Amino acid sequence: MKVVDCHTHTCFSDGTGTFEENARAAEAVGCSLLVCTDHLTLPSSMDPAGEAQVVEGDLPAHRAAFEEARAAHPGVEMLYGFEADWYPGCEDDVRRWSDGAQVLLGSVHWLGEKDDGAWIDDVSDLTIWLKLGPDEVWRRYVAAWCAACESPLAFDVMAHPDLPARFSHEGFAPSIDLAPLWDEMVACARDTGRRVELSTAALRKGVGDYYPSCGLLERFFAAGVPITVGSDAHRPQDVAYDIEAAYGHAWDVGYRAVEVPRADGGWASMPL
């Protein structure tokens, strides 16, 4: 069974490594398919200095660096993609900036309007958590996530579905039963035909589970929602982090295959 990492970042967005360094890391751990998914189309209110994303003017250099690394590492199949944040009014920018991407991840990190909102996973700024409280953050996050699912954007995968769990063990655990919110997410993913990502990133961040957590993943499985697997690596040493363990976890939940992207833009089912 191949090790496939469907979610990685470089220093062109908020990662630390280059495409070359990530490709070498993938080779070292036996990762045969590496999907490169830097952030893009964040509004200036979210990323005023353009430090967390590939700004539009850097797209040609970004693609050139990717192609150079891909040519230098024929033993690793590399696919060109992006992680595009959804927020109200993002659609035209996402379509224009992501032109030519072989894989497009959809995600939600920002709650609110383009010019009036806040990050939900910024460890240096917990204002929204303190202002709204975890129950309301969860409610608004799920509403935004479902709006992203229902958007006309061609998201191949919805990344890290329950991102607010990031702070559950840091004083911001919800007091409400999340099951009804999870059921909303599952119904939305099922009805819109989206894949969702099983991410190992939560294991590195003290969450004590994957994204999505086991209870939510079980619901996705029961609803027939297909999954991909990714590390969300922001450092070369995290490329393909615990991917094989994630395959085992998916098997335990009931999955017998994961979805794997192809160079032609299609997707294949890889048996576990």
Foldseek 3Di string as FASTA:
>chain_A
DAQEAAAEEDQLAQFDHFLLLLLVLCVVVRHAEYEYAAEDQQFCLAPVPRRHGNYQVCLVVNVVSNVVNCVVRVSHHYFYYHEYEDAPPRVVVCCVSGPPGLAYEYEHQWFDHSNDTDGLPDPVDNPVCVVPALVVVLVRRLVRLLVRLVDPDPHQEYELNRVNLLCCVPPRNDPDDCVVSLVSNLVSCLVSVHAYEFEPQSVVRPSPATRVRLVSLLSNVVSVHAYAYHHNYSYSNSGSPCSVVVVVSNVVSPDQWHWDGDNVSDIDTGGD
